[in-house]
C-alpha atoms as a PDB file:
ATOM      1  CA  UNK A   1     -19.732 -31.172  24.294  1.00  0.00           C
ATOM      2  CA  UNK A   2     -20.502 -27.496  24.525  1.00  0.00           C
ATOM      3  CA  UNK A   3     -17.631 -25.146  25.292  1.00  0.00           C
ATOM      4  CA  UNK A   4     -17.902 -22.567  28.040  1.00  0.00           C
ATOM      5  CA  UNK A   5     -17.909 -18.854  27.309  1.00  0.00           C
ATOM      6  CA  UNK A   6     -15.527 -17.053  29.627  1.00  0.00           C
ATOM      7  CA  UNK A   7     -16.241 -13.325  29.615  1.00  0.00           C
ATOM      8  CA  UNK A   8     -12.812 -12.145  30.679  1.00  0.00           C
ATOM      9  CA  UNK A   9     -10.150 -10.573  28.495  1.00  0.00           C
ATOM     10  CA  UNK A  10      -6.651 -11.988  28.618  1.00  0.00           C
ATOM     11  CA  UNK A  11      -4.000  -9.752  30.061  1.00  0.00           C
ATOM     12  CA  UNK A  12      -1.321 -10.781  27.558  1.00  0.00           C
ATOM     13  CA  UNK A  13      -1.534 -11.881  23.950  1.00  0.00           C
ATOM     14  CA  UNK A  14       1.163 -14.040  22.433  1.00  0.00           C
ATOM     15  CA  UNK A  15      -0.051 -13.768  18.837  1.00  0.00           C
ATOM     16  CA  UNK A  16       1.216 -10.782  16.906  1.00  0.00           C
ATOM     17  CA  UNK A  17      -1.001  -8.857  14.489  1.00  0.00           C
ATOM     18  CA  UNK A  18       1.509  -9.858  11.796  1.00  0.00           C
ATOM     19  CA  UNK A  19       0.517 -13.497  12.286  1.00  0.00           C
ATOM     20  CA  UNK A  20      -3.187 -12.675  11.974  1.00  0.00           C
ATOM     21  CA  UNK A  21      -2.977 -11.034   8.539  1.00  0.00           C
ATOM     22  CA  UNK A  22      -3.120 -13.697   5.800  1.00  0.00           C
ATOM     23  CA  UNK A  23      -0.160 -13.875   3.406  1.00  0.00           C
ATOM     24  CA  UNK A  24      -2.408 -13.520   0.341  1.00  0.00           C
ATOM     25  CA  UNK A  25      -4.004 -10.303   1.591  1.00  0.00           C
ATOM     26  CA  UNK A  26      -3.290  -7.523  -0.993  1.00  0.00           C
ATOM     27  CA  UNK A  27      -2.772  -5.009   1.809  1.00  0.00           C
ATOM     28  CA  UNK A  28       0.370  -6.923   2.810  1.00  0.00           C
ATOM     29  CA  UNK A  29       2.113  -6.173  -0.497  1.00  0.00           C
ATOM     30  CA  UNK A  30       0.872  -2.594  -0.436  1.00  0.00           C
ATOM     31  CA  UNK A  31       2.252  -2.106   3.073  1.00  0.00           C
ATOM     32  CA  UNK A  32       5.674  -3.393   2.008  1.00  0.00           C
ATOM     33  CA  UNK A  33       5.696  -1.024  -0.970  1.00  0.00           C
ATOM     34  CA  UNK A  34       4.540   1.942   1.137  1.00  0.00           C
ATOM     35  CA  UNK A  35       7.197   1.278   3.770  1.00  0.00           C
ATOM     36  CA  UNK A  36       9.909   1.101   1.120  1.00  0.00           C
ATOM     37  CA  UNK A  37       8.851   4.425  -0.423  1.00  0.00           C
ATOM     38  CA  UNK A  38       8.502   6.124   2.969  1.00  0.00           C
ATOM     39  CA  UNK A  39      11.914   4.833   4.017  1.00  0.00           C
ATOM     40  CA  UNK A  40      13.388   6.654   1.006  1.00  0.00           C
ATOM     41  CA  UNK A  41      11.518   9.844   1.982  1.00  0.00           C
ATOM     42  CA  UNK A  42      12.442   9.644   5.663  1.00  0.00           C
ATOM     43  CA  UNK A  43      15.355  12.078   5.449  1.00  0.00           C
ATOM     44  CA  UNK A  44      13.294  14.648   3.533  1.00  0.00           C
ATOM     45  CA  UNK A  45      10.403  14.318   5.970  1.00  0.00           C
ATOM     46  CA  UNK A  46      12.749  14.657   8.945  1.00  0.00           C
ATOM     47  CA  UNK A  47      13.997  18.028   7.699  1.00  0.00           C
ATOM     48  CA  UNK A  48      10.457  19.433   7.923  1.00  0.00           C
ATOM     49  CA  UNK A  49      10.316  18.955  11.700  1.00  0.00           C
ATOM     50  CA  UNK A  50      11.889  21.086  14.420  1.00  0.00           C
ATOM     51  CA  UNK A  51      14.626  19.649  16.613  1.00  0.00           C
ATOM     52  CA  UNK A  52      12.958  20.909  19.796  1.00  0.00           C
ATOM     53  CA  UNK A  53       9.484  20.508  21.202  1.00  0.00           C
ATOM     54  CA  UNK A  54       7.162  17.619  21.808  1.00  0.00           C
ATOM     55  CA  UNK A  55       7.579  14.512  19.692  1.00  0.00           C
ATOM     56  CA  UNK A  56       5.005  14.156  16.946  1.00  0.00           C
ATOM     57  CA  UNK A  57       3.287  11.195  15.390  1.00  0.00           C
ATOM     58  CA  UNK A  58       5.747   9.811  12.828  1.00  0.00           C
ATOM     59  CA  UNK A  59       4.847  11.095   9.348  1.00  0.00           C
ATOM     60  CA  UNK A  60       5.158   7.537   8.025  1.00  0.00           C
ATOM     61  CA  UNK A  61       2.254   6.501  10.238  1.00  0.00           C
ATOM     62  CA  UNK A  62       0.182   9.534   9.248  1.00  0.00           C
ATOM     63  CA  UNK A  63       0.683   8.902   5.536  1.00  0.00           C
ATOM     64  CA  UNK A  64      -0.088   5.190   5.949  1.00  0.00           C
ATOM     65  CA  UNK A  65      -3.313   6.068   7.768  1.00  0.00           C
ATOM     66  CA  UNK A  66      -4.306   8.483   4.998  1.00  0.00           C
ATOM     67  CA  UNK A  67      -3.784   5.721   2.437  1.00  0.00           C
ATOM     68  CA  UNK A  68      -6.156   3.500   4.409  1.00  0.00           C
ATOM     69  CA  UNK A  69      -8.685   6.316   4.402  1.00  0.00           C
ATOM     70  CA  UNK A  70      -8.556   6.410   0.604  1.00  0.00           C
ATOM     71  CA  UNK A  71      -8.508   2.610   0.128  1.00  0.00           C
ATOM     72  CA  UNK A  72     -11.530   2.013   2.350  1.00  0.00           C
ATOM     73  CA  UNK A  73     -13.527   5.154   1.519  1.00  0.00           C
ATOM     74  CA  UNK A  74     -13.521   6.493   5.062  1.00  0.00           C
ATOM     75  CA  UNK A  75     -15.211   9.883   4.906  1.00  0.00           C
ATOM     76  CA  UNK A  76     -13.659  11.786   7.791  1.00  0.00           C
ATOM     77  CA  UNK A  77     -10.609  11.942  10.013  1.00  0.00           C
ATOM     78  CA  UNK A  78     -12.823  11.171  12.997  1.00  0.00           C
ATOM     79  CA  UNK A  79     -13.987   7.930  11.394  1.00  0.00           C
ATOM     80  CA  UNK A  80     -10.396   7.077  10.488  1.00  0.00           C
ATOM     81  CA  UNK A  81      -9.279   7.532  14.092  1.00  0.00           C
ATOM     82  CA  UNK A  82     -12.216   5.417  15.245  1.00  0.00           C
ATOM     83  CA  UNK A  83     -11.154   2.642  12.854  1.00  0.00           C
ATOM     84  CA  UNK A  84      -7.555   2.915  14.043  1.00  0.00           C
ATOM     85  CA  UNK A  85      -8.816   2.501  17.603  1.00  0.00           C
ATOM     86  CA  UNK A  86     -10.356  -0.941  17.135  1.00  0.00           C
ATOM     87  CA  UNK A  87      -9.533  -2.335  13.674  1.00  0.00           C
ATOM     88  CA  UNK A  88      -6.488  -4.577  14.056  1.00  0.00           C
ATOM     89  CA  UNK A  89      -5.871  -4.669  10.301  1.00  0.00           C
ATOM     90  CA  UNK A  90      -5.624  -0.866  10.247  1.00  0.00           C
ATOM     91  CA  UNK A  91      -3.368  -0.839  13.307  1.00  0.00           C
ATOM     92  CA  UNK A  92      -1.107  -3.427  11.690  1.00  0.00           C
ATOM     93  CA  UNK A  93      -0.891  -1.473   8.408  1.00  0.00           C
ATOM     94  CA  UNK A  94      -0.021   1.786  10.161  1.00  0.00           C
ATOM     95  CA  UNK A  95       2.491   0.123  12.488  1.00  0.00           C
ATOM     96  CA  UNK A  96       0.643   0.427  15.792  1.00  0.00           C
ATOM     97  CA  UNK A  97       0.697  -2.415  18.282  1.00  0.00           C
ATOM     98  CA  UNK A  98      -2.568  -3.412  19.982  1.00  0.00           C
ATOM     99  CA  UNK A  99      -1.287  -1.724  23.166  1.00  0.00           C
ATOM    100  CA  UNK A 100      -0.482   1.655  21.578  1.00  0.00           C
ATOM    101  CA  UNK A 101      -2.954   4.461  22.333  1.00  0.00           C
END
């Protein structure tokens, strides 16, 4: 029996991006290593930012995104941002949820 195509997006998703990334994916181990290193650098990175003003994008996310740019040969920041907009694997690696802008 043929299934029906329903052209309507679901409002809520109960599957996390973490569950969608296979365990054997090399990017999983790289992400764990990157997070460990960035956790050690967190205090040093925090000292570079002012205490007042608008909150910035966390430097851990920026550095993770730059690593993806190198790993996947993305040629420009514009293309990287475009990938971060719709590529769930990139969003997962950087630490963005599907709902984050």
